Amino acid sequence: MNIVSDPKLSDPKLTGDGTFQSPDANLAAALASANGVLTVDLDAIVANWRKLEKTAVPAECGGVIKADAYGCGVEPVARALATAGCKTFFVATLEEARAARAAVPSAAIYVLNGFFQNTGEAYAKIDCRPVIGDLNELAEWDVFCRRTGWNGGAAIHIDTGMHRLGLTVTEAQGLIPRINAGDHGITLVMSHLASAEQLNNPVNVRQLTAFREIASLFTGVPTSLANSSGVYLGAPFQFDLVRPGAALYGVNPTPESDNPMQPVLELKARIVQMRNIERGETVGYGGTWTARRPTRIAVVSAGYADGYFRAASANDGTRGAEVIVAGRRCPVAGRISMDLMAIDITDLPPKAVRRGHMVTLIGEGITVDELAHHFGTIGYEVLTSLGRRYARIYRGGTAEAKTDAANTDADATKAPAATAESDAAATPS
């Protein structure tokens, strides 16, 4: 359940998407009963966007907010980015476009997965633009536009080596007479990099060369190639518009070097039980982790149903992920289950933590990319897998919800302090 504090509301309201909007007292009460809390720092997302924007100057910097803004919440993220100056957004589906349009009434919104027959009215109703990557799509789009007079525009996606979506270069060349004739309805021509995170991968140069040649024929149409990592491949890759996604949310776009992005998320889960086990006893399903000494275990209310993958489990031969308990790293003990995980807290002082306290799964030095390593995946999948059972708090942006996490951890019997206030984002520098 999302919990958003909105100072304009005088009484709590449960929205259709499961978001609970409440004034401060209700927010505090909801947090007190939450098994886990995901805090999203909207100011950090804005700071990341501004850093990408500066890196890409003079290109425009858009924002990819598909998959519920990579699990961070499309409406608060889109509003914060629009307030900061972002004018162009990308989503994957028409349904995502509807949610984005509700948040950013005047922005340009592109739908990456393209146009389907009989969906034109839906596109026109919310004034968003399909990204067309197939000649059949283009024909269906043209039929709709001629029949209705709609002139909202569309993007053309050209495949330069990803071999996923997109017109072939030859097919795209066939559109040049249409471009030269004017009144073509194409507002963007784009392609997608397959290996941008690998700085010296020769595929990057091949795709750049192919895109530069074909895009140059689309006279007067803005061009776009770079994703998050593509921004850091340099000016030749940036064209008129860059499309960062995961980097906005703190994932490292330059995995071969230090992360230039600010962390965005803090994820905490509650200890529901503590227990002592003897040397030689096992923990979790399958008994794959054996205590090598008298051990103190904290059972934490998060598991793979919440996006904390089973791959982060520990066994007698493999150390799993770590979490932060009372300011110190403590290892997972045994298998991650659907709703719970066990943590070895033997090395903590005896009274450092108790039932009801929160532990940190992301934050305090544990990054999304570190967790992805333990999960055997990438930060993108970590973000988009975060479960819906966490209470979600948004800091910064246009409305700030503040939680006193220190008080929560210090006294589990008290509700976390929470306030809400208007905090308009600064204009982009």
Protein backbone atom coordinates (compact mmCIF):
# COMPACT_ATOMS: atom_id res chain seq x y z
CA MET A 1 0.00 0.00 0.00
CA ASN A 2 1.35 3.41 -0.96
CA ILE A 3 1.13 6.04 1.75
CA VAL A 4 1.40 9.59 0.50
CA SER A 5 1.01 12.61 2.75
CA ASP A 6 -0.86 15.38 0.99
CA PRO A 7 -1.46 18.58 2.98
CA LYS A 8 -4.41 19.52 0.77
CA LEU A 9 -6.50 16.59 2.02
CA SER A 10 -8.47 16.98 5.23
CA ASP A 11 -9.46 13.34 5.65
CA PRO A 12 -8.04 10.00 4.48
CA LYS A 13 -8.86 8.68 1.04
CA LEU A 14 -8.16 5.26 -0.44
CA THR A 15 -7.71 5.68 -4.19
CA GLY A 16 -8.50 3.11 -6.85
CA ASP A 17 -4.88 2.07 -7.31
CA GLY A 18 -4.40 1.22 -3.64
CA THR A 19 -2.68 4.47 -2.71
CA PHE A 20 -3.68 5.72 0.73
CA GLN A 21 -3.59 9.50 0.93
CA SER A 22 -3.83 10.84 4.44
CA PRO A 23 -3.04 13.71 6.73
CA ASP A 24 -0.24 13.33 9.25
CA ALA A 25 -1.98 11.43 12.04
CA ASN A 26 -3.26 8.74 9.71
CA LEU A 27 0.13 8.54 8.02
CA ALA A 28 1.83 7.93 11.36
CA ALA A 29 -0.72 5.29 12.35
CA ALA A 30 -0.31 3.49 9.03
CA LEU A 31 3.47 3.47 9.38
CA ALA A 32 3.22 2.10 12.90
CA SER A 33 1.48 -1.02 11.59
CA ALA A 34 3.52 -1.43 8.40
CA ASN A 35 5.70 -4.52 8.06
CA GLY A 36 7.94 -2.65 5.65
CA VAL A 37 8.51 0.94 4.51
CA LEU A 38 9.89 2.05 1.15
CA THR A 39 10.98 5.69 1.11
CA VAL A 40 11.44 7.37 -2.27
CA ASP A 41 13.53 10.54 -2.36
CA LEU A 42 11.98 12.65 -5.11
CA ASP A 43 14.63 15.33 -4.67
CA ALA A 44 17.31 12.73 -5.43
CA ILE A 45 15.45 11.71 -8.60
CA VAL A 46 15.31 15.36 -9.64
CA ALA A 47 19.02 15.80 -8.84
CA ASN A 48 19.84 12.78 -10.97
CA TRP A 49 17.75 14.17 -13.84
CA ARG A 50 19.52 17.51 -13.60
CA LYS A 51 22.93 15.84 -13.65
CA LEU A 52 21.95 13.89 -16.76
CA GLU A 53 20.52 17.05 -18.29
CA LYS A 54 23.79 18.93 -17.76
CA THR A 55 25.79 16.02 -19.14
CA ALA A 56 23.68 15.99 -22.30
CA VAL A 57 23.56 19.75 -22.99
CA PRO A 58 22.48 21.00 -25.52
CA ALA A 59 20.25 17.94 -25.97
CA GLU A 60 16.89 17.88 -24.22
CA CYS A 61 16.67 15.43 -21.31
CA GLY A 62 13.47 13.42 -21.12
CA GLY A 63 12.47 10.89 -18.49
CA VAL A 64 11.51 7.22 -18.79
CA ILE A 65 8.77 6.47 -16.27
CA LYS A 66 7.56 3.09 -17.50
CA ALA A 67 6.84 0.21 -15.08
CA ASP A 68 5.41 2.62 -12.49
CA ALA A 69 8.56 4.77 -12.76
CA TYR A 70 10.71 1.69 -12.23
CA GLY A 71 8.73 0.79 -9.14
CA CYS A 72 9.04 4.25 -7.58
CA GLY A 73 5.54 5.53 -8.37
CA VAL A 74 4.70 7.11 -11.70
CA GLU A 75 2.52 9.98 -10.49
CA PRO A 76 4.79 11.47 -7.79
CA VAL A 77 7.90 10.91 -9.93
CA ALA A 78 6.37 12.44 -13.05
CA ARG A 79 5.12 15.46 -11.11
CA ALA A 80 8.52 16.05 -9.51
CA LEU A 81 10.36 15.78 -12.83
CA ALA A 82 7.88 18.05 -14.61
CA THR A 83 8.23 20.65 -11.87
CA ALA A 84 12.00 20.47 -12.35
CA GLY A 85 11.62 21.15 -16.08
CA CYS A 86 11.28 17.74 -17.77
CA LYS A 87 8.96 18.12 -20.76
CA THR A 88 9.07 14.70 -22.45
CA PHE A 89 8.25 11.33 -20.90
CA PHE A 90 8.35 7.73 -22.10
CA VAL A 91 6.16 4.85 -20.92
CA ALA A 92 5.71 1.31 -22.23
CA THR A 93 1.94 0.95 -22.51
CA LEU A 94 -1.18 2.98 -23.10
CA GLU A 95 -2.37 2.25 -19.56
CA GLU A 96 0.88 3.68 -18.20
CA ALA A 97 0.34 6.72 -20.41
CA ARG A 98 -3.03 7.33 -18.78
CA ALA A 99 -1.44 7.37 -15.34
CA ALA A 100 1.33 9.65 -16.54
CA ARG A 101 -1.08 12.06 -18.21
CA ALA A 102 -3.01 12.45 -14.96
CA ALA A 103 0.23 13.63 -13.34
CA VAL A 104 1.65 15.80 -16.16
CA PRO A 105 -1.22 17.35 -18.15
CA SER A 106 0.93 19.31 -20.60
CA ALA A 107 3.99 17.09 -21.19
CA ALA A 108 4.76 15.09 -24.34
CA ILE A 109 4.23 11.39 -23.59
CA TYR A 110 5.50 8.63 -25.89
CA VAL A 111 4.31 5.00 -25.66
CA LEU A 112 7.26 2.75 -26.46
CA ASN A 113 5.39 -0.48 -27.19
CA GLY A 114 3.68 1.05 -30.18
CA PHE A 115 0.27 1.37 -31.77
CA PHE A 116 -2.41 -1.29 -32.03
CA GLN A 117 -5.38 -1.17 -34.37
CA ASN A 118 -8.49 0.40 -32.81
CA THR A 119 -6.51 2.18 -30.08
CA GLY A 120 -6.29 5.53 -31.86
CA GLU A 121 -9.20 7.05 -29.97
CA ALA A 122 -7.50 6.17 -26.68
CA TYR A 123 -4.28 7.87 -27.79
CA ALA A 124 -6.15 10.95 -28.91
CA LYS A 125 -8.22 11.15 -25.73
CA ILE A 126 -5.14 11.60 -23.56
CA ASP A 127 -3.00 13.30 -26.23
CA CYS A 128 -0.07 10.88 -26.22
CA ARG A 129 2.12 9.61 -29.04
CA PRO A 130 2.84 6.05 -30.14
CA VAL A 131 6.39 4.94 -30.91
CA ILE A 132 5.86 3.13 -34.20
CA GLY A 133 8.29 0.35 -35.08
CA ASP A 134 6.47 -1.59 -37.79
CA LEU A 135 5.04 -0.66 -41.19
CA ASN A 136 1.69 -2.24 -40.31
CA GLU A 137 1.49 -0.04 -37.22
CA LEU A 138 2.28 2.99 -39.33
CA ALA A 139 -0.46 2.12 -41.82
CA GLU A 140 -3.00 1.68 -39.03
CA TRP A 141 -1.92 4.96 -37.45
CA ASP A 142 -2.26 6.75 -40.79
CA VAL A 143 -5.77 5.35 -41.31
CA PHE A 144 -6.84 6.61 -37.91
CA CYS A 145 -5.33 10.07 -38.49
CA ARG A 146 -6.95 10.46 -41.92
CA ARG A 147 -10.33 9.28 -40.65
CA THR A 148 -10.40 11.54 -37.59
CA GLY A 149 -8.14 14.42 -38.51
CA TRP A 150 -5.98 13.70 -35.46
CA ASN A 151 -2.55 15.34 -35.69
CA GLY A 152 -1.04 14.52 -32.30
CA GLY A 153 2.13 13.05 -33.78
CA ALA A 154 4.09 9.82 -33.44
CA ALA A 155 7.68 8.65 -33.16
CA ILE A 156 9.43 6.32 -35.60
CA HIS A 157 11.64 3.66 -34.04
CA ILE A 158 14.46 2.35 -36.25
CA ASP A 159 16.31 -0.85 -35.38
CA THR A 160 20.06 -0.24 -35.65
CA GLY A 161 21.23 -3.45 -34.00
CA MET A 162 19.10 -4.24 -30.95
CA HIS A 163 16.93 -6.58 -33.08
CA ARG A 164 13.90 -6.10 -30.88
CA LEU A 165 11.46 -3.37 -31.94
CA GLY A 166 11.85 -1.03 -34.88
CA LEU A 167 11.72 -0.57 -38.62
CA THR A 168 14.73 -1.84 -40.53
CA VAL A 169 17.01 0.81 -41.95
CA THR A 170 15.73 -0.08 -45.43
CA GLU A 171 12.11 0.33 -44.32
CA ALA A 172 12.96 3.66 -42.72
CA GLN A 173 14.58 4.84 -45.95
CA GLY A 174 11.26 4.24 -47.65
CA LEU A 175 9.70 6.95 -45.47
CA ILE A 176 12.02 9.70 -46.70
CA PRO A 177 9.71 10.87 -49.54
CA ARG A 178 6.99 11.26 -46.94
CA ILE A 179 9.33 13.36 -44.77
CA ASN A 180 10.35 15.50 -47.72
CA ALA A 181 6.72 16.09 -48.64
CA GLY A 182 6.03 17.71 -45.26
CA ASP A 183 2.97 17.37 -43.02
CA HIS A 184 4.19 13.86 -42.13
CA GLY A 185 3.11 13.74 -38.48
CA ILE A 186 6.46 12.38 -37.26
CA THR A 187 7.64 14.22 -34.14
CA LEU A 188 10.64 12.04 -33.23
CA VAL A 189 12.93 9.46 -34.84
CA MET A 190 14.71 7.17 -32.41
CA SER A 191 16.68 3.99 -31.93
CA HIS A 192 17.85 2.04 -28.89
CA LEU A 193 21.36 1.04 -27.83
CA ALA A 194 21.94 -2.62 -27.02
CA SER A 195 25.23 -2.39 -25.08
CA ALA A 196 25.59 1.20 -23.91
CA GLU A 197 26.76 0.20 -20.42
CA GLN A 198 29.90 -1.33 -22.01
CA LEU A 199 32.04 1.67 -22.88
CA ASN A 200 34.25 -0.01 -25.48
CA ASN A 201 31.75 -2.39 -27.04
CA PRO A 202 32.08 -2.00 -30.84
CA VAL A 203 28.31 -2.46 -31.22
CA ASN A 204 27.88 1.07 -29.85
CA VAL A 205 29.84 2.63 -32.71
CA ARG A 206 28.07 0.48 -35.31
CA GLN A 207 24.67 1.55 -33.99
CA LEU A 208 25.75 5.19 -33.83
CA THR A 209 26.95 5.13 -37.42
CA ALA A 210 23.78 3.48 -38.67
CA PHE A 211 21.50 5.83 -36.75
CA ARG A 212 23.40 8.97 -37.74
CA GLU A 213 23.13 8.07 -41.43
CA ILE A 214 19.43 7.28 -41.46
CA ALA A 215 18.40 10.02 -39.02
CA SER A 216 20.12 12.65 -41.15
CA LEU A 217 17.57 11.92 -43.87
CA PHE A 218 14.64 12.75 -41.57
CA THR A 219 15.08 16.47 -42.16
CA GLY A 220 13.67 18.65 -39.42
CA VAL A 221 12.62 15.74 -37.18
CA PRO A 222 14.19 15.58 -33.68
CA THR A 223 16.40 12.54 -33.06
CA SER A 224 17.05 10.33 -30.01
CA LEU A 225 19.43 7.42 -29.39
CA ALA A 226 20.86 7.54 -25.85
CA ASN A 227 19.41 5.74 -22.84
CA SER A 228 20.85 6.19 -19.33
CA SER A 229 24.24 4.65 -20.14
CA GLY A 230 24.21 6.16 -23.61
CA VAL A 231 24.30 9.64 -22.09
CA TYR A 232 27.77 8.80 -20.78
CA LEU A 233 29.06 7.55 -24.12
CA GLY A 234 29.59 11.19 -25.07
CA ALA A 235 28.15 13.96 -27.21
CA PRO A 236 28.01 12.00 -30.51
CA PHE A 237 25.40 9.69 -28.95
CA GLN A 238 23.18 12.40 -27.47
CA PHE A 239 21.51 13.91 -30.58
CA ASP A 240 18.46 16.10 -29.83
CA LEU A 241 16.92 14.16 -26.93
CA VAL A 242 18.24 11.67 -24.38
CA ARG A 243 16.00 9.15 -22.63
CA PRO A 244 17.39 8.21 -19.20
CA GLY A 245 15.48 5.66 -17.18
CA ALA A 246 17.20 3.55 -14.51
CA ALA A 247 19.83 6.22 -13.79
CA LEU A 248 17.07 8.54 -12.57
CA TYR A 249 16.33 6.02 -9.84
CA GLY A 250 19.94 5.58 -8.70
CA VAL A 251 21.09 2.61 -10.80
CA ASN A 252 24.68 3.06 -11.99
CA PRO A 253 24.71 3.98 -15.71
CA THR A 254 28.50 3.54 -15.80
CA PRO A 255 29.06 0.11 -14.18
CA GLU A 256 32.71 0.10 -15.24
CA SER A 257 33.33 3.11 -12.95
CA ASP A 258 31.84 4.85 -9.90
CA ASN A 259 28.14 5.63 -9.86
CA PRO A 260 27.51 9.32 -10.68
CA MET A 261 23.89 9.08 -9.50
CA GLN A 262 22.46 9.75 -6.05
CA PRO A 263 20.70 6.90 -4.24
CA VAL A 264 16.94 7.27 -4.36
CA LEU A 265 15.47 4.49 -2.23
CA GLU A 266 15.54 3.42 1.38
CA LEU A 267 13.84 0.12 2.16
CA LYS A 268 13.18 -1.06 5.71
CA ALA A 269 11.40 -4.12 7.08
CA ARG A 270 10.29 -4.96 10.59
CA ILE A 271 11.64 -7.63 12.93
CA VAL A 272 8.68 -9.84 13.84
CA GLN A 273 10.47 -12.31 16.09
CA MET A 274 13.85 -12.98 17.71
CA ARG A 275 15.13 -16.36 18.78
CA ASN A 276 18.23 -18.17 19.98
CA ILE A 277 19.42 -21.41 18.40
CA GLU A 278 22.17 -23.80 19.38
CA ARG A 279 25.27 -24.74 17.45
CA GLY A 280 24.40 -27.35 14.81
CA GLU A 281 20.76 -26.31 14.39
CA THR A 282 19.52 -25.23 10.98
CA VAL A 283 17.49 -22.24 9.80
CA GLY A 284 14.90 -22.01 7.04
CA TYR A 285 13.47 -24.27 4.36
CA GLY A 286 15.60 -27.27 3.52
CA GLY A 287 17.87 -26.74 6.51
CA THR A 288 20.61 -25.48 4.20
CA TRP A 289 22.20 -23.09 6.75
CA THR A 290 23.69 -24.49 9.94
CA ALA A 291 24.67 -22.49 13.01
CA ARG A 292 28.37 -22.85 13.72
CA ARG A 293 27.99 -21.36 17.21
CA PRO A 294 25.16 -20.43 19.57
CA THR A 295 23.33 -17.95 17.35
CA ARG A 296 20.82 -15.16 17.75
CA ILE A 297 18.37 -14.84 14.87
CA ALA A 298 16.06 -11.97 13.90
CA VAL A 299 13.14 -12.91 11.66
CA VAL A 300 12.28 -10.02 9.33
CA SER A 301 8.97 -9.41 7.54
CA ALA A 302 10.13 -9.33 3.92
CA GLY A 303 10.61 -12.07 1.36
CA TYR A 304 10.48 -12.84 -2.32
CA ALA A 305 6.81 -11.79 -2.52
CA ASP A 306 8.11 -8.33 -1.62
CA GLY A 307 10.83 -8.37 -4.26
CA TYR A 308 13.64 -9.61 -2.02
CA PHE A 309 14.75 -12.48 -4.22
CA ARG A 310 15.34 -16.04 -3.02
CA ALA A 311 18.71 -15.89 -4.78
CA ALA A 312 20.00 -13.76 -1.88
CA SER A 313 19.71 -16.74 0.49
CA ALA A 314 22.65 -18.10 2.47
CA ASN A 315 23.66 -21.74 2.90
CA ASP A 316 26.51 -23.61 4.49
CA GLY A 317 28.72 -23.02 1.48
CA THR A 318 27.60 -19.58 0.31
CA ARG A 319 27.23 -16.26 2.09
CA GLY A 320 24.06 -14.44 1.08
CA ALA A 321 23.06 -10.80 1.18
CA GLU A 322 23.43 -8.51 4.17
CA VAL A 323 21.07 -6.07 5.87
CA ILE A 324 21.74 -3.21 8.27
CA VAL A 325 20.63 -3.87 11.85
CA ALA A 326 21.31 -1.20 14.47
CA GLY A 327 23.84 0.42 12.18
CA ARG A 328 25.84 -2.74 11.43
CA ARG A 329 25.82 -5.20 8.55
CA CYS A 330 24.39 -8.59 9.45
CA PRO A 331 24.13 -11.59 7.10
CA VAL A 332 21.05 -13.43 5.89
CA ALA A 333 20.76 -16.89 7.49
CA GLY A 334 19.13 -19.63 5.43
CA ARG A 335 16.70 -19.36 2.59
CA ILE A 336 14.60 -16.29 1.83
CA SER A 337 10.96 -17.37 1.99
CA MET A 338 7.85 -15.76 0.56
CA ASP A 339 7.15 -13.36 3.43
CA LEU A 340 10.11 -13.69 5.80
CA MET A 341 13.88 -13.87 6.07
CA ALA A 342 16.19 -14.73 8.94
CA ILE A 343 19.17 -12.55 9.88
CA ASP A 344 22.16 -13.57 12.01
CA ILE A 345 22.50 -10.81 14.66
CA THR A 346 24.80 -12.72 17.03
CA ASP A 347 27.56 -10.13 16.78
CA LEU A 348 25.34 -7.23 17.86
CA PRO A 349 25.31 -6.07 21.48
CA PRO A 350 22.58 -7.97 23.39
CA LYS A 351 20.23 -4.98 23.74
CA ALA A 352 20.95 -3.31 20.40
CA VAL A 353 17.70 -4.39 18.79
CA ARG A 354 14.37 -5.97 19.66
CA ARG A 355 11.12 -7.17 18.15
CA GLY A 356 9.34 -4.42 16.23
CA HIS A 357 12.49 -2.56 15.20
CA MET A 358 13.19 -1.92 11.54
CA VAL A 359 16.20 -3.21 9.62
CA THR A 360 17.50 -1.67 6.40
CA LEU A 361 17.42 -3.73 3.21
CA ILE A 362 18.37 -0.86 0.86
CA GLY A 363 20.14 2.20 2.18
CA GLU A 364 22.87 2.99 4.72
CA GLY A 365 25.47 1.89 2.18
CA ILE A 366 23.53 -1.01 0.66
CA THR A 367 22.76 0.07 -2.89
CA VAL A 368 20.28 -1.23 -5.43
CA ASP A 369 23.24 -2.40 -7.52
CA GLU A 370 24.75 -4.32 -4.58
CA LEU A 371 21.45 -6.06 -3.98
CA ALA A 372 21.21 -6.85 -7.69
CA HIS A 373 24.59 -8.59 -7.45
CA HIS A 374 23.28 -10.86 -4.68
CA PHE A 375 20.10 -11.47 -6.66
CA GLY A 376 22.06 -12.42 -9.77
CA THR A 377 20.38 -9.73 -11.81
CA ILE A 378 20.49 -6.00 -12.58
CA GLY A 379 19.26 -2.95 -10.70
CA TYR A 380 16.38 -2.53 -13.16
CA GLU A 381 14.84 -5.82 -12.02
CA VAL A 382 15.36 -5.03 -8.34
CA LEU A 383 13.48 -1.74 -8.69
CA THR A 384 10.60 -3.08 -10.74
CA SER A 385 10.12 -6.09 -8.45
CA LEU A 386 9.56 -4.15 -5.23
CA GLY A 387 6.35 -5.48 -3.77
CA ARG A 388 3.14 -3.60 -3.11
CA ARG A 389 2.99 -4.55 0.57
CA TYR A 390 5.44 -1.86 1.61
CA ALA A 391 4.11 1.42 2.92
CA ARG A 392 5.56 4.01 0.55
CA ILE A 393 6.72 7.41 1.67
CA TYR A 394 7.72 10.21 -0.69
CA ARG A 395 10.23 12.83 0.38
CA GLY A 396 10.80 16.10 -1.45
CA GLY A 397 9.22 16.97 -4.77
CA THR A 398 6.05 19.03 -4.48
CA ALA A 399 4.78 17.47 -1.23
CA GLU A 400 7.07 16.03 1.40
CA ALA A 401 6.27 13.25 3.86
CA LYS A 402 8.88 13.08 6.61
CA THR A 403 9.38 10.01 8.77
CA ASP A 404 11.51 9.98 11.90
CA ALA A 405 13.12 6.58 11.30
CA ALA A 406 15.43 7.00 14.25
CA ASN A 407 12.48 7.24 16.63
CA THR A 408 10.85 4.27 14.95
CA ASP A 409 13.91 2.12 15.57
CA ALA A 410 14.49 3.45 19.06
CA ASP A 411 11.02 2.72 20.35
CA ALA A 412 8.94 0.16 18.51
CA THR A 413 5.90 0.97 20.62
CA LYS A 414 5.64 4.47 19.20
CA ALA A 415 4.30 5.43 15.78
CA PRO A 416 6.92 7.09 13.54
CA ALA A 417 6.62 10.85 13.52
CA ALA A 418 5.34 12.15 10.20
CA THR A 419 4.62 15.57 8.82
CA ALA A 420 3.65 16.90 5.44
CA GLU A 421 4.50 20.19 3.90
CA SER A 422 4.60 21.90 0.53
CA ASP A 423 8.11 21.88 -0.90
CA ALA A 424 8.09 23.10 -4.47
CA ALA A 425 11.07 21.86 -6.46
CA ALA A 426 13.55 24.48 -7.61
CA THR A 427 13.80 25.43 -11.23
CA PRO A 428 16.47 23.56 -13.20
CA SER A 429 19.93 25.03 -13.18
